[in-house]
Amino acid sequence: MNSNFTSTGNIQKAVMELLDSQGVEVHTQSGTEVAIYCPFHDNTHSPACYINTKTGLWQCFNPSCGKKGNFRQLYKHMTGKTYGREWILDPVNLQRELDLALVIKDTVEDLSIDSIEVDYKSDEVQNLQTLIDRGYDLDILEYFEIGYSKVKDRVVIPVRDPHYKLVGLIGRAVHDWQEPRYLYNKGFKRADILFNIQNAKQYDSVIICEGSLDAIKVAQSGFKNVVATLGAKVSPNQIKMIKKYFDTIVVFSDNDDAGAEMRRAIIEECRGKQIYTVAIPDGLKDPGDMTDIQIKQAITSKQINIGE
C-alpha cells in the first residue's frame, strides 16, 4: 500500500487506498458515500457499511452489527496497525474537526461517581493495568484520583473545577474493541473546563496539553503545574481561566495539524503573557507517548519566549 496519503491531507484518497490495499470492493458510490460489505461481521448478502470519503466516518446499517466510527478505527481493524497522527487534514476539514472538538455528545452509557472505585492497597489496582502498561505510576494515578467503573469496564478520570468541585468524569476504554475510546458523563461541558486547574492554579506558570492522560504523564515527570484543554480547540472560557491564573504559559500540544492550530490560537489569544512552546520528538504523537525523561528534556528545551 502506498502510504503517501498520510502527508497529503486527502481523506478520500486515504479511504480509497485502504480499501484497494485490502481488496475490498466498492459496490455503490453516491457523492461522498461509498458502500462496502461490513468488515466487522460476516455479511455476504448486502453491502451494509457506508463510508463518507470526505470525513472518514463510517457506519454499518445491518441490525445485527450497527458498528460505526472514524477512519483510524477502520484502518486499525482492517490492517491490524495503528494509524498515526501524521495524517494531515486539509484546511476545510481541519476547521470542522476543531469545531467538533468543543462538542462532547451526551451518551446513554452514562458514568456515575457511585460506580467508581479502586483500592490502591489491594489487587484492585490491576484494573488500572492498561495505564500502568503505558508507563503511568500508581502514585500519580492515585494523585489524580483515577478510579475504575466495573459497570462500564473503564478507567475513570475525575475532573474538578478551580474550587475542587467535581464537574465531570472521563471514562477511558481498557480494551481495543471498546467504542468510543472516551466516554463522558451527561452534561459534561468541555468548553468550561481545564483539567487539573484545581492543582495548577497555585503556580504562576502553566503547561497546557490537549488530553487528560497527557497532563497526567507531564505531572508524573515532575510538572504539577499542568492543565489539559481536553481537545484541540481552546474555548473563550478556557482562555479566560488561563489568563486569570497564569503569567507564563508553556504550550505542549499534540504533534499534528490540530495541535499546531491550538498552539497558534493560544499565542494569539494570550498576547501580553510570556509564552513558550514545547516540541514533541519526531515519531511521537503527544506527551502521553513520551517517557518521563523525554518530557523533562522537551520542557527544558522549550522554545524561547514568543509572547510579551
C-alpha atoms as a PDB file:
ATOM      1  CA  MET A   1       0.000   0.000   0.000  1.00  0.00           C
ATOM      2  CA  ASN A   2       1.267   3.439  -0.891  1.00  0.00           C
ATOM      3  CA  SER A   3       1.443   5.362   2.404  1.00  0.00           C
ATOM      4  CA  ASN A   4       1.923   8.781   0.804  1.00  0.00           C
ATOM      5  CA  PHE A   5      -1.645   9.666   1.678  1.00  0.00           C
ATOM      6  CA  THR A   6      -0.548  10.212   5.279  1.00  0.00           C
ATOM      7  CA  SER A   7       1.012  13.510   4.282  1.00  0.00           C
ATOM      8  CA  THR A   8      -1.433  14.760   1.665  1.00  0.00           C
ATOM      9  CA  GLY A   9      -4.417  15.544   3.841  1.00  0.00           C
ATOM     10  CA  ASN A  10      -6.655  13.902   1.235  1.00  0.00           C
ATOM     11  CA  ILE A  11      -9.101  11.832   3.266  1.00  0.00           C
ATOM     12  CA  GLN A  12     -10.848  10.472   0.205  1.00  0.00           C
ATOM     13  CA  LYS A  13      -7.567   9.191  -1.172  1.00  0.00           C
ATOM     14  CA  ALA A  14      -6.747   7.606   2.203  1.00  0.00           C
ATOM     15  CA  VAL A  15     -10.077   5.767   2.297  1.00  0.00           C
ATOM     16  CA  MET A  16      -9.856   4.516  -1.285  1.00  0.00           C
ATOM     17  CA  GLU A  17      -6.232   3.384  -0.913  1.00  0.00           C
ATOM     18  CA  LEU A  18      -7.120   1.492   2.253  1.00  0.00           C
ATOM     19  CA  LEU A  19      -9.972  -0.346   0.534  1.00  0.00           C
ATOM     20  CA  ASP A  20      -7.822  -1.095  -2.501  1.00  0.00           C
ATOM     21  CA  SER A  21      -4.932  -2.418  -0.392  1.00  0.00           C
ATOM     22  CA  GLN A  22      -7.270  -4.763   1.476  1.00  0.00           C
ATOM     23  CA  GLY A  23      -9.036  -5.978  -1.663  1.00  0.00           C
ATOM     24  CA  VAL A  24     -12.361  -4.501  -0.570  1.00  0.00           C
ATOM     25  CA  GLU A  25     -14.751  -3.845  -3.437  1.00  0.00           C
ATOM     26  CA  VAL A  26     -16.812  -0.647  -3.563  1.00  0.00           C
ATOM     27  CA  HIS A  27     -20.300  -1.788  -4.545  1.00  0.00           C
ATOM     28  CA  THR A  28     -22.010   1.565  -4.885  1.00  0.00           C
ATOM     29  CA  GLN A  29     -20.945   5.180  -4.679  1.00  0.00           C
ATOM     30  CA  SER A  30     -23.132   8.250  -4.396  1.00  0.00           C
ATOM     31  CA  GLY A  31     -21.402  11.587  -3.941  1.00  0.00           C
ATOM     32  CA  THR A  32     -19.068  11.226  -0.975  1.00  0.00           C
ATOM     33  CA  GLU A  33     -20.660   7.967   0.254  1.00  0.00           C
ATOM     34  CA  VAL A  34     -19.369   4.515  -0.701  1.00  0.00           C
ATOM     35  CA  ALA A  35     -20.950   1.185   0.247  1.00  0.00           C
ATOM     36  CA  ILE A  36     -18.957  -1.962   1.075  1.00  0.00           C
ATOM     37  CA  TYR A  37     -19.535  -5.278   2.809  1.00  0.00           C
ATOM     38  CA  CYS A  38     -19.001  -4.570   6.501  1.00  0.00           C
ATOM     39  CA  PRO A  39     -15.578  -5.791   7.662  1.00  0.00           C
ATOM     40  CA  PHE A  40     -16.802  -6.089  11.263  1.00  0.00           C
ATOM     41  CA  HIS A  41     -19.168  -9.038  10.765  1.00  0.00           C
ATOM     42  CA  ASP A  42     -19.865 -11.898   8.359  1.00  0.00           C
ATOM     43  CA  ASN A  43     -22.015 -10.331   5.686  1.00  0.00           C
ATOM     44  CA  THR A  44     -22.360 -11.678   2.172  1.00  0.00           C
ATOM     45  CA  HIS A  45     -25.914 -10.587   1.494  1.00  0.00           C
ATOM     46  CA  SER A  46     -25.733  -6.817   1.226  1.00  0.00           C
ATOM     47  CA  PRO A  47     -23.115  -4.021   1.326  1.00  0.00           C
ATOM     48  CA  ALA A  48     -24.452  -2.502   4.551  1.00  0.00           C
ATOM     49  CA  CYS A  49     -21.381  -0.484   5.566  1.00  0.00           C
ATOM     50  CA  TYR A  50     -21.252   3.112   4.319  1.00  0.00           C
ATOM     51  CA  ILE A  51     -18.143   5.307   4.445  1.00  0.00           C
ATOM     52  CA  ASN A  52     -18.118   9.070   3.989  1.00  0.00           C
ATOM     53  CA  THR A  53     -14.969   9.713   1.970  1.00  0.00           C
ATOM     54  CA  LYS A  54     -14.961  13.404   2.916  1.00  0.00           C
ATOM     55  CA  THR A  55     -14.885  12.895   6.698  1.00  0.00           C
ATOM     56  CA  GLY A  56     -13.705   9.298   7.011  1.00  0.00           C
ATOM     57  CA  LEU A  57     -16.685   8.461   9.232  1.00  0.00           C
ATOM     58  CA  TRP A  58     -18.423   5.114   8.651  1.00  0.00           C
ATOM     59  CA  GLN A  59     -21.357   3.065   9.886  1.00  0.00           C
ATOM     60  CA  CYS A  60     -22.825  -0.390   9.336  1.00  0.00           C
ATOM     61  CA  PHE A  61     -26.604  -0.365   8.984  1.00  0.00           C
ATOM     62  CA  ASN A  62     -27.043  -4.112   9.412  1.00  0.00           C
ATOM     63  CA  PRO A  63     -29.240  -4.536  12.542  1.00  0.00           C
ATOM     64  CA  SER A  64     -27.030  -7.372  13.768  1.00  0.00           C
ATOM     65  CA  CYS A  65     -23.960  -5.120  13.731  1.00  0.00           C
ATOM     66  CA  GLY A  66     -24.502  -1.353  13.869  1.00  0.00           C
ATOM     67  CA  LYS A  67     -20.831  -0.538  14.382  1.00  0.00           C
ATOM     68  CA  LYS A  68     -19.592   2.935  13.470  1.00  0.00           C
ATOM     69  CA  GLY A  69     -16.519   5.068  13.942  1.00  0.00           C
ATOM     70  CA  ASN A  70     -13.772   7.114  12.323  1.00  0.00           C
ATOM     71  CA  PHE A  71     -11.123   6.355   9.716  1.00  0.00           C
ATOM     72  CA  ARG A  72      -8.417   5.413  12.229  1.00  0.00           C
ATOM     73  CA  GLN A  73     -10.655   2.767  13.791  1.00  0.00           C
ATOM     74  CA  LEU A  74     -11.487   1.334  10.370  1.00  0.00           C
ATOM     75  CA  TYR A  75      -7.813   1.342   9.400  1.00  0.00           C
ATOM     76  CA  LYS A  76      -6.745  -0.479  12.570  1.00  0.00           C
ATOM     77  CA  HIS A  77      -9.437  -3.134  12.209  1.00  0.00           C
ATOM     78  CA  MET A  78      -8.651  -3.827   8.564  1.00  0.00           C
ATOM     79  CA  THR A  79      -4.854  -3.736   8.780  1.00  0.00           C
ATOM     80  CA  GLY A  80      -4.116  -4.604  12.403  1.00  0.00           C
ATOM     81  CA  LYS A  81      -1.950  -1.498  12.613  1.00  0.00           C
ATOM     82  CA  THR A  82      -2.450   1.844  14.341  1.00  0.00           C
ATOM     83  CA  TYR A  83      -2.969   4.785  12.006  1.00  0.00           C
ATOM     84  CA  GLY A  84      -0.685   7.544  13.360  1.00  0.00           C
ATOM     85  CA  ARG A  85      -1.480  11.210  13.834  1.00  0.00           C
ATOM     86  CA  GLU A  86       0.778  12.091  10.966  1.00  0.00           C
ATOM     87  CA  TRP A  87      -2.459  12.315   8.965  1.00  0.00           C
ATOM     88  CA  ILE A  88      -2.712  15.964   7.978  1.00  0.00           C
ATOM     89  CA  LEU A  89      -6.193  17.380   7.495  1.00  0.00           C
ATOM     90  CA  ASP A  90      -6.870  19.678   4.605  1.00  0.00           C
ATOM     91  CA  PRO A  91      -7.865  23.254   5.602  1.00  0.00           C
ATOM     92  CA  VAL A  92     -11.603  22.706   5.124  1.00  0.00           C
ATOM     93  CA  ASN A  93     -11.803  19.590   7.274  1.00  0.00           C
ATOM     94  CA  LEU A  94      -9.314  20.949   9.838  1.00  0.00           C
ATOM     95  CA  GLN A  95     -11.666  23.735  10.908  1.00  0.00           C
ATOM     96  CA  ARG A  96     -14.549  21.287  11.028  1.00  0.00           C
ATOM     97  CA  GLU A  97     -12.572  18.931  13.261  1.00  0.00           C
ATOM     98  CA  LEU A  98     -11.621  21.785  15.575  1.00  0.00           C
ATOM     99  CA  ASP A  99     -15.220  22.980  15.828  1.00  0.00           C
ATOM    100  CA  LEU A 100     -16.443  19.461  16.605  1.00  0.00           C
ATOM    101  CA  ALA A 101     -13.803  19.153  19.297  1.00  0.00           C
ATOM    102  CA  LEU A 102     -15.792  21.533  21.517  1.00  0.00           C
ATOM    103  CA  VAL A 103     -18.875  19.313  21.386  1.00  0.00           C
ATOM    104  CA  ILE A 104     -18.974  16.203  23.548  1.00  0.00           C
ATOM    105  CA  LYS A 105     -22.287  14.476  22.924  1.00  0.00           C
ATOM    106  CA  ASP A 106     -24.385  13.013  25.706  1.00  0.00           C
ATOM    107  CA  THR A 107     -24.353   9.238  25.823  1.00  0.00           C
ATOM    108  CA  VAL A 108     -26.854   6.686  27.011  1.00  0.00           C
ATOM    109  CA  GLU A 109     -23.999   4.850  28.731  1.00  0.00           C
ATOM    110  CA  ASP A 110     -23.668   7.494  31.422  1.00  0.00           C
ATOM    111  CA  LEU A 111     -20.930   7.421  34.032  1.00  0.00           C
ATOM    112  CA  SER A 112     -21.797   7.747  37.695  1.00  0.00           C
ATOM    113  CA  ILE A 113     -19.499   8.565  40.608  1.00  0.00           C
ATOM    114  CA  ASP A 114     -21.279   5.823  42.566  1.00  0.00           C
ATOM    115  CA  SER A 115     -19.825   3.115  40.311  1.00  0.00           C
ATOM    116  CA  ILE A 116     -16.175   4.224  40.553  1.00  0.00           C
ATOM    117  CA  GLU A 117     -13.686   2.563  42.839  1.00  0.00           C
ATOM    118  CA  VAL A 118     -10.095   1.368  43.209  1.00  0.00           C
ATOM    119  CA  ASP A 119      -8.403   0.356  46.422  1.00  0.00           C
ATOM    120  CA  TYR A 120      -4.765   1.214  45.764  1.00  0.00           C
ATOM    121  CA  LYS A 121      -3.689  -1.109  48.578  1.00  0.00           C
ATOM    122  CA  SER A 122      -5.354  -4.187  47.115  1.00  0.00           C
ATOM    123  CA  ASP A 123      -5.368  -6.305  43.969  1.00  0.00           C
ATOM    124  CA  GLU A 124      -7.946  -3.903  42.509  1.00  0.00           C
ATOM    125  CA  VAL A 125      -5.074  -1.865  41.066  1.00  0.00           C
ATOM    126  CA  GLN A 126      -4.895  -4.474  38.307  1.00  0.00           C
ATOM    127  CA  ASN A 127      -7.957  -2.721  36.867  1.00  0.00           C
ATOM    128  CA  LEU A 128      -5.605   0.131  36.015  1.00  0.00           C
ATOM    129  CA  GLN A 129      -3.167  -2.148  34.197  1.00  0.00           C
ATOM    130  CA  THR A 130      -3.873  -0.538  30.833  1.00  0.00           C
ATOM    131  CA  LEU A 131      -2.380   2.719  32.171  1.00  0.00           C
ATOM    132  CA  ILE A 132       0.428   1.026  34.099  1.00  0.00           C
ATOM    133  CA  ASP A 133       1.476  -0.692  30.869  1.00  0.00           C
ATOM    134  CA  ARG A 134       1.704   2.737  29.241  1.00  0.00           C
ATOM    135  CA  GLY A 135       4.173   3.941  31.843  1.00  0.00           C
ATOM    136  CA  TYR A 136       1.914   5.554  34.443  1.00  0.00           C
ATOM    137  CA  ASP A 137       2.958   5.079  38.077  1.00  0.00           C
ATOM    138  CA  LEU A 138       0.422   4.155  40.749  1.00  0.00           C
ATOM    139  CA  ASP A 139       1.417   7.207  42.808  1.00  0.00           C
ATOM    140  CA  ILE A 140       0.445   9.629  40.062  1.00  0.00           C
ATOM    141  CA  LEU A 141      -2.770   7.726  39.289  1.00  0.00           C
ATOM    142  CA  GLU A 142      -3.767   7.966  42.948  1.00  0.00           C
ATOM    143  CA  TYR A 143      -2.823  11.657  42.998  1.00  0.00           C
ATOM    144  CA  PHE A 144      -5.317  12.244  40.179  1.00  0.00           C
ATOM    145  CA  GLU A 145      -7.950  10.062  41.882  1.00  0.00           C
ATOM    146  CA  ILE A 146      -8.075   7.667  38.946  1.00  0.00           C
ATOM    147  CA  GLY A 147     -10.730   5.017  39.530  1.00  0.00           C
ATOM    148  CA  TYR A 148     -12.406   2.160  37.735  1.00  0.00           C
ATOM    149  CA  SER A 149     -16.013   1.513  36.812  1.00  0.00           C
ATOM    150  CA  LYS A 150     -16.998  -2.166  36.898  1.00  0.00           C
ATOM    151  CA  VAL A 151     -20.322  -1.248  35.312  1.00  0.00           C
ATOM    152  CA  LYS A 152     -18.688   0.356  32.268  1.00  0.00           C
ATOM    153  CA  ASP A 153     -15.413  -1.596  32.438  1.00  0.00           C
ATOM    154  CA  ARG A 154     -13.449   1.621  32.028  1.00  0.00           C
ATOM    155  CA  VAL A 155     -10.742   3.559  33.787  1.00  0.00           C
ATOM    156  CA  VAL A 156     -12.360   6.754  35.091  1.00  0.00           C
ATOM    157  CA  ILE A 157     -10.659  10.149  35.376  1.00  0.00           C
ATOM    158  CA  PRO A 158     -12.410  12.726  37.617  1.00  0.00           C
ATOM    159  CA  VAL A 159     -12.424  16.364  36.503  1.00  0.00           C
ATOM    160  CA  ARG A 160     -12.640  19.240  39.004  1.00  0.00           C
ATOM    161  CA  ASP A 161     -13.140  22.980  38.708  1.00  0.00           C
ATOM    162  CA  PRO A 162     -10.792  25.601  40.249  1.00  0.00           C
ATOM    163  CA  HIS A 163     -12.602  25.189  43.586  1.00  0.00           C
ATOM    164  CA  TYR A 164     -12.102  21.401  43.671  1.00  0.00           C
ATOM    165  CA  LYS A 165     -15.742  20.694  42.862  1.00  0.00           C
ATOM    166  CA  LEU A 166     -16.268  17.522  40.822  1.00  0.00           C
ATOM    167  CA  VAL A 167     -17.657  18.692  37.463  1.00  0.00           C
ATOM    168  CA  GLY A 168     -17.108  15.716  35.176  1.00  0.00           C
ATOM    169  CA  LEU A 169     -15.973  12.136  34.627  1.00  0.00           C
ATOM    170  CA  ILE A 170     -13.944  10.765  31.750  1.00  0.00           C
ATOM    171  CA  GLY A 171     -14.198   7.029  31.123  1.00  0.00           C
ATOM    172  CA  ARG A 172     -11.349   5.616  29.037  1.00  0.00           C
ATOM    173  CA  ALA A 173     -11.628   2.250  27.281  1.00  0.00           C
ATOM    174  CA  VAL A 174      -9.406  -0.546  28.592  1.00  0.00           C
ATOM    175  CA  HIS A 175      -9.974  -2.904  25.644  1.00  0.00           C
ATOM    176  CA  ASP A 176      -9.223  -2.350  21.942  1.00  0.00           C
ATOM    177  CA  TRP A 177     -12.762  -3.327  20.963  1.00  0.00           C
ATOM    178  CA  GLN A 178     -14.474  -0.717  23.180  1.00  0.00           C
ATOM    179  CA  GLU A 179     -16.017   2.241  21.406  1.00  0.00           C
ATOM    180  CA  PRO A 180     -15.952   5.121  21.883  1.00  0.00           C
ATOM    181  CA  ARG A 181     -12.451   5.269  23.338  1.00  0.00           C
ATOM    182  CA  TYR A 182     -13.564   8.040  25.705  1.00  0.00           C
ATOM    183  CA  LEU A 183     -16.928   8.182  27.431  1.00  0.00           C
ATOM    184  CA  TYR A 184     -18.204  11.282  29.239  1.00  0.00           C
ATOM    185  CA  ASN A 185     -20.962  11.788  31.772  1.00  0.00           C
ATOM    186  CA  LYS A 186     -24.055  13.598  30.587  1.00  0.00           C
ATOM    187  CA  GLY A 187     -23.806  17.366  30.795  1.00  0.00           C
ATOM    188  CA  PHE A 188     -20.023  17.377  30.520  1.00  0.00           C
ATOM    189  CA  LYS A 189     -19.065  20.894  29.364  1.00  0.00           C
ATOM    190  CA  ARG A 190     -15.536  20.704  27.993  1.00  0.00           C
ATOM    191  CA  ALA A 191     -15.547  24.362  26.958  1.00  0.00           C
ATOM    192  CA  ASP A 192     -15.834  25.435  30.625  1.00  0.00           C
ATOM    193  CA  ILE A 193     -13.155  23.084  31.967  1.00  0.00           C
ATOM    194  CA  LEU A 194      -9.388  22.915  32.288  1.00  0.00           C
ATOM    195  CA  PHE A 195      -8.362  19.507  33.588  1.00  0.00           C
ATOM    196  CA  ASN A 196      -6.218  19.791  36.770  1.00  0.00           C
ATOM    197  CA  ILE A 197      -6.813  23.548  37.116  1.00  0.00           C
ATOM    198  CA  GLN A 198      -7.508  22.971  40.836  1.00  0.00           C
ATOM    199  CA  ASN A 199      -3.872  21.949  41.380  1.00  0.00           C
ATOM    200  CA  ALA A 200      -2.138  24.036  38.717  1.00  0.00           C
ATOM    201  CA  LYS A 201      -3.647  27.365  39.801  1.00  0.00           C
ATOM    202  CA  GLN A 202      -1.263  27.613  42.762  1.00  0.00           C
ATOM    203  CA  TYR A 203       1.624  28.194  40.318  1.00  0.00           C
ATOM    204  CA  ASP A 204       2.431  31.328  38.306  1.00  0.00           C
ATOM    205  CA  SER A 205       3.264  29.302  35.207  1.00  0.00           C
ATOM    206  CA  VAL A 206       1.285  26.586  33.432  1.00  0.00           C
ATOM    207  CA  ILE A 207       1.938  23.825  30.914  1.00  0.00           C
ATOM    208  CA  ILE A 208      -1.003  23.288  28.564  1.00  0.00           C
ATOM    209  CA  CYS A 209      -1.687  19.886  26.957  1.00  0.00           C
ATOM    210  CA  GLU A 210      -4.652  18.561  24.995  1.00  0.00           C
ATOM    211  CA  GLY A 211      -5.560  15.306  26.755  1.00  0.00           C
ATOM    212  CA  SER A 212      -6.059  14.397  30.403  1.00  0.00           C
ATOM    213  CA  LEU A 213      -3.627  11.473  30.116  1.00  0.00           C
ATOM    214  CA  ASP A 214      -1.071  13.810  28.528  1.00  0.00           C
ATOM    215  CA  ALA A 215      -1.372  16.107  31.532  1.00  0.00           C
ATOM    216  CA  ILE A 216      -1.057  13.193  33.953  1.00  0.00           C
ATOM    217  CA  LYS A 217       2.143  11.996  32.244  1.00  0.00           C
ATOM    218  CA  VAL A 218       3.591  15.544  32.388  1.00  0.00           C
ATOM    219  CA  ALA A 219       2.736  15.756  36.104  1.00  0.00           C
ATOM    220  CA  GLN A 220       4.410  12.403  36.662  1.00  0.00           C
ATOM    221  CA  SER A 221       7.547  13.873  35.078  1.00  0.00           C
ATOM    222  CA  GLY A 222       7.675  16.489  37.819  1.00  0.00           C
ATOM    223  CA  PHE A 223       5.485  19.294  36.475  1.00  0.00           C
ATOM    224  CA  LYS A 224       2.319  19.533  38.578  1.00  0.00           C
ATOM    225  CA  ASN A 225       1.528  22.938  37.029  1.00  0.00           C
ATOM    226  CA  VAL A 226      -0.110  21.276  34.026  1.00  0.00           C
ATOM    227  CA  VAL A 227      -3.626  21.517  32.628  1.00  0.00           C
ATOM    228  CA  ALA A 228      -5.421  19.916  29.700  1.00  0.00           C
ATOM    229  CA  THR A 229      -7.951  21.539  27.384  1.00  0.00           C
ATOM    230  CA  LEU A 230      -9.493  18.116  26.602  1.00  0.00           C
ATOM    231  CA  GLY A 231      -9.411  18.835  22.900  1.00  0.00           C
ATOM    232  CA  ALA A 232      -7.541  20.766  20.256  1.00  0.00           C
ATOM    233  CA  LYS A 233      -9.794  23.810  20.217  1.00  0.00           C
ATOM    234  CA  VAL A 234      -9.432  26.208  23.136  1.00  0.00           C
ATOM    235  CA  SER A 235     -12.677  27.893  24.126  1.00  0.00           C
ATOM    236  CA  PRO A 236     -13.068  31.542  25.227  1.00  0.00           C
ATOM    237  CA  ASN A 237     -13.809  30.405  28.790  1.00  0.00           C
ATOM    238  CA  GLN A 238     -10.653  28.300  28.861  1.00  0.00           C
ATOM    239  CA  ILE A 239      -8.626  31.269  27.621  1.00  0.00           C
ATOM    240  CA  LYS A 240     -10.110  33.388  30.417  1.00  0.00           C
ATOM    241  CA  MET A 241      -9.017  30.875  33.038  1.00  0.00           C
ATOM    242  CA  ILE A 242      -5.523  30.647  31.573  1.00  0.00           C
ATOM    243  CA  LYS A 243      -5.107  34.424  31.572  1.00  0.00           C
ATOM    244  CA  LYS A 244      -6.628  34.763  35.051  1.00  0.00           C
ATOM    245  CA  TYR A 245      -4.374  32.295  36.842  1.00  0.00           C
ATOM    246  CA  PHE A 246      -1.066  32.321  34.973  1.00  0.00           C
ATOM    247  CA  ASP A 247       1.619  34.765  33.857  1.00  0.00           C
ATOM    248  CA  THR A 248       3.807  32.275  31.992  1.00  0.00           C
ATOM    249  CA  ILE A 249       2.371  29.781  29.506  1.00  0.00           C
ATOM    250  CA  VAL A 250       4.081  26.714  28.053  1.00  0.00           C
ATOM    251  CA  VAL A 251       2.148  25.112  25.181  1.00  0.00           C
ATOM    252  CA  PHE A 252       2.699  21.336  24.899  1.00  0.00           C
ATOM    253  CA  SER A 253       0.175  20.460  22.185  1.00  0.00           C
ATOM    254  CA  ASP A 254      -0.071  17.304  20.083  1.00  0.00           C
ATOM    255  CA  ASN A 255       2.223  16.685  17.148  1.00  0.00           C
ATOM    256  CA  ASP A 256      -0.376  17.192  14.401  1.00  0.00           C
ATOM    257  CA  ASP A 257      -2.218  19.930  12.498  1.00  0.00           C
ATOM    258  CA  ALA A 258      -4.870  20.365  15.185  1.00  0.00           C
ATOM    259  CA  GLY A 259      -2.127  20.728  17.787  1.00  0.00           C
ATOM    260  CA  ALA A 260      -0.422  23.382  15.681  1.00  0.00           C
ATOM    261  CA  GLU A 261      -3.709  25.273  15.407  1.00  0.00           C
ATOM    262  CA  MET A 262      -4.188  25.038  19.172  1.00  0.00           C
ATOM    263  CA  ARG A 263      -0.698  26.456  19.714  1.00  0.00           C
ATOM    264  CA  ARG A 264      -1.348  29.330  17.312  1.00  0.00           C
ATOM    265  CA  ALA A 265      -4.685  30.164  18.994  1.00  0.00           C
ATOM    266  CA  ILE A 266      -3.187  30.300  22.493  1.00  0.00           C
ATOM    267  CA  ILE A 267      -0.337  32.532  21.321  1.00  0.00           C
ATOM    268  CA  GLU A 268      -2.821  34.847  19.615  1.00  0.00           C
ATOM    269  CA  GLU A 269      -5.364  34.981  22.447  1.00  0.00           C
ATOM    270  CA  CYS A 270      -2.838  35.320  25.281  1.00  0.00           C
ATOM    271  CA  ARG A 271      -0.783  38.207  23.967  1.00  0.00           C
ATOM    272  CA  GLY A 272       0.972  40.028  26.782  1.00  0.00           C
ATOM    273  CA  LYS A 273       1.776  36.807  28.604  1.00  0.00           C
ATOM    274  CA  GLN A 274       5.150  35.092  28.495  1.00  0.00           C
ATOM    275  CA  ILE A 275       4.627  32.172  26.122  1.00  0.00           C
ATOM    276  CA  TYR A 276       6.821  29.197  25.273  1.00  0.00           C
ATOM    277  CA  THR A 277       6.241  26.144  23.096  1.00  0.00           C
ATOM    278  CA  VAL A 278       7.453  22.575  23.512  1.00  0.00           C
ATOM    279  CA  ALA A 279       8.379  20.352  20.565  1.00  0.00           C
ATOM    280  CA  ILE A 280       7.459  16.668  20.545  1.00  0.00           C
ATOM    281  CA  PRO A 281      10.133  14.345  19.094  1.00  0.00           C
ATOM    282  CA  ASP A 282       9.522  13.042  15.569  1.00  0.00           C
ATOM    283  CA  GLY A 283       7.583   9.805  15.511  1.00  0.00           C
ATOM    284  CA  LEU A 284       5.672  10.523  18.724  1.00  0.00           C
ATOM    285  CA  LYS A 285       2.098  11.804  18.845  1.00  0.00           C
ATOM    286  CA  ASP A 286       1.663  13.514  22.205  1.00  0.00           C
ATOM    287  CA  PRO A 287       3.113  13.772  25.744  1.00  0.00           C
ATOM    288  CA  GLY A 288       1.303  10.577  26.675  1.00  0.00           C
ATOM    289  CA  ASP A 289       3.554   8.679  24.260  1.00  0.00           C
ATOM    290  CA  MET A 290       6.729  10.092  25.793  1.00  0.00           C
ATOM    291  CA  THR A 291       8.833   8.830  28.683  1.00  0.00           C
ATOM    292  CA  ASP A 292       9.387  10.936  31.794  1.00  0.00           C
ATOM    293  CA  ILE A 293      12.938  11.681  30.664  1.00  0.00           C
ATOM    294  CA  GLN A 294      11.779  12.746  27.190  1.00  0.00           C
ATOM    295  CA  ILE A 295       9.188  15.075  28.714  1.00  0.00           C
ATOM    296  CA  LYS A 296      11.728  16.673  31.053  1.00  0.00           C
ATOM    297  CA  GLN A 297      14.152  17.203  28.177  1.00  0.00           C
ATOM    298  CA  ALA A 298      11.440  18.648  25.931  1.00  0.00           C
ATOM    299  CA  ILE A 299      10.202  21.116  28.540  1.00  0.00           C
ATOM    300  CA  THR A 300      13.732  22.124  29.487  1.00  0.00           C
ATOM    301  CA  SER A 301      14.446  22.752  25.787  1.00  0.00           C
ATOM    302  CA  LYS A 302      11.250  24.740  25.207  1.00  0.00           C
ATOM    303  CA  GLN A 303      11.470  27.430  22.564  1.00  0.00           C
ATOM    304  CA  ILE A 304      12.309  30.980  23.565  1.00  0.00           C
ATOM    305  CA  ASN A 305       9.675  33.477  24.586  1.00  0.00           C
ATOM    306  CA  ILE A 306       7.165  34.204  21.812  1.00  0.00           C
ATOM    307  CA  GLY A 307       4.829  36.431  23.816  1.00  0.00           C
ATOM    308  CA  GLU A 308       5.125  39.715  25.663  1.00  0.00           C
END
